[in-house]
């Protein structure tokens, strides 16, 4: 059971780290923040890579 607990703790830590990273990125989108504190260039909206995926699916030789 110890191994399962260790794995669960690892998963939890990864989740927390990912959440904290995303939270920092979202906070960096605040328009009231100065430009050097913004994360606008780091944030990728869901679906930003759709055109590339469509091209890959449309080109059978890829």
C-alpha atoms as a PDB file:
ATOM      1  CA  UNK A   1       0.000   0.000   0.000  1.00  0.00           C
ATOM      2  CA  UNK A   2       2.947   2.312   0.609  1.00  0.00           C
ATOM      3  CA  UNK A   3       3.790   2.398  -3.101  1.00  0.00           C
ATOM      4  CA  UNK A   4       0.213   3.399  -3.951  1.00  0.00           C
ATOM      5  CA  UNK A   5       0.314   6.190  -1.390  1.00  0.00           C
ATOM      6  CA  UNK A   6       3.611   7.395  -2.819  1.00  0.00           C
ATOM      7  CA  UNK A   7       2.161   7.419  -6.343  1.00  0.00           C
ATOM      8  CA  UNK A   8      -0.942   9.254  -5.112  1.00  0.00           C
ATOM      9  CA  UNK A   9       1.243  11.853  -3.385  1.00  0.00           C
ATOM     10  CA  UNK A  10       3.263  12.321  -6.597  1.00  0.00           C
ATOM     11  CA  UNK A  11       0.079  12.817  -8.619  1.00  0.00           C
ATOM     12  CA  UNK A  12      -1.212  15.292  -6.071  1.00  0.00           C
ATOM     13  CA  UNK A  13       2.039  17.269  -6.142  1.00  0.00           C
ATOM     14  CA  UNK A  14       2.005  17.400  -9.951  1.00  0.00           C
ATOM     15  CA  UNK A  15      -1.611  18.584  -9.891  1.00  0.00           C
ATOM     16  CA  UNK A  16      -0.805  21.298  -7.346  1.00  0.00           C
ATOM     17  CA  UNK A  17       2.227  22.432  -9.349  1.00  0.00           C
ATOM     18  CA  UNK A  18       0.223  22.595 -12.585  1.00  0.00           C
ATOM     19  CA  UNK A  19      -2.563  24.488 -10.830  1.00  0.00           C
ATOM     20  CA  UNK A  20      -0.104  27.000  -9.388  1.00  0.00           C
ATOM     21  CA  UNK A  21       1.528  27.506 -12.806  1.00  0.00           C
ATOM     22  CA  UNK A  22      -1.848  28.085 -14.451  1.00  0.00           C
ATOM     23  CA  UNK A  23      -2.959  30.399 -11.657  1.00  0.00           C
ATOM     24  CA  UNK A  24       0.194  32.486 -12.087  1.00  0.00           C
ATOM     25  CA  UNK A  25      -0.394  32.711 -15.840  1.00  0.00           C
ATOM     26  CA  UNK A  26      -4.005  33.781 -15.349  1.00  0.00           C
ATOM     27  CA  UNK A  27      -3.043  36.370 -12.749  1.00  0.00           C
ATOM     28  CA  UNK A  28      -0.506  37.690 -15.254  1.00  0.00           C
ATOM     29  CA  UNK A  29      -3.339  38.532 -17.656  1.00  0.00           C
ATOM     30  CA  UNK A  30      -4.631  41.214 -15.282  1.00  0.00           C
ATOM     31  CA  UNK A  31      -4.868  44.435 -17.346  1.00  0.00           C
ATOM     32  CA  UNK A  32      -3.968  46.492 -14.282  1.00  0.00           C
ATOM     33  CA  UNK A  33      -0.512  44.898 -14.059  1.00  0.00           C
ATOM     34  CA  UNK A  34       2.482  46.588 -15.641  1.00  0.00           C
ATOM     35  CA  UNK A  35       3.675  45.125 -18.944  1.00  0.00           C
ATOM     36  CA  UNK A  36       6.755  43.399 -17.524  1.00  0.00           C
ATOM     37  CA  UNK A  37       4.557  41.402 -15.115  1.00  0.00           C
ATOM     38  CA  UNK A  38       2.094  40.229 -17.744  1.00  0.00           C
ATOM     39  CA  UNK A  39       2.028  36.699 -19.109  1.00  0.00           C
ATOM     40  CA  UNK A  40       0.069  37.470 -22.262  1.00  0.00           C
ATOM     41  CA  UNK A  41       2.706  35.972 -24.566  1.00  0.00           C
ATOM     42  CA  UNK A  42       2.977  32.788 -22.463  1.00  0.00           C
ATOM     43  CA  UNK A  43      -0.717  31.924 -22.417  1.00  0.00           C
ATOM     44  CA  UNK A  44      -2.029  29.797 -25.247  1.00  0.00           C
ATOM     45  CA  UNK A  45      -5.783  29.712 -25.675  1.00  0.00           C
ATOM     46  CA  UNK A  46      -7.455  26.389 -26.232  1.00  0.00           C
ATOM     47  CA  UNK A  47      -7.772  25.844 -29.952  1.00  0.00           C
ATOM     48  CA  UNK A  48      -4.804  27.997 -30.971  1.00  0.00           C
ATOM     49  CA  UNK A  49      -3.312  25.014 -32.792  1.00  0.00           C
ATOM     50  CA  UNK A  50      -6.485  23.974 -34.603  1.00  0.00           C
ATOM     51  CA  UNK A  51      -5.335  25.183 -38.017  1.00  0.00           C
ATOM     52  CA  UNK A  52      -2.163  23.132 -37.772  1.00  0.00           C
ATOM     53  CA  UNK A  53      -4.139  20.045 -36.768  1.00  0.00           C
ATOM     54  CA  UNK A  54      -6.570  20.510 -39.653  1.00  0.00           C
ATOM     55  CA  UNK A  55      -3.683  20.829 -42.089  1.00  0.00           C
ATOM     56  CA  UNK A  56      -2.144  17.631 -40.741  1.00  0.00           C
ATOM     57  CA  UNK A  57      -5.428  15.750 -41.075  1.00  0.00           C
ATOM     58  CA  UNK A  58      -6.075  17.121 -44.561  1.00  0.00           C
ATOM     59  CA  UNK A  59      -2.642  16.170 -45.888  1.00  0.00           C
ATOM     60  CA  UNK A  60      -2.497  12.363 -46.037  1.00  0.00           C
ATOM     61  CA  UNK A  61       1.262  12.385 -46.739  1.00  0.00           C
ATOM     62  CA  UNK A  62       2.111  13.933 -43.354  1.00  0.00           C
END
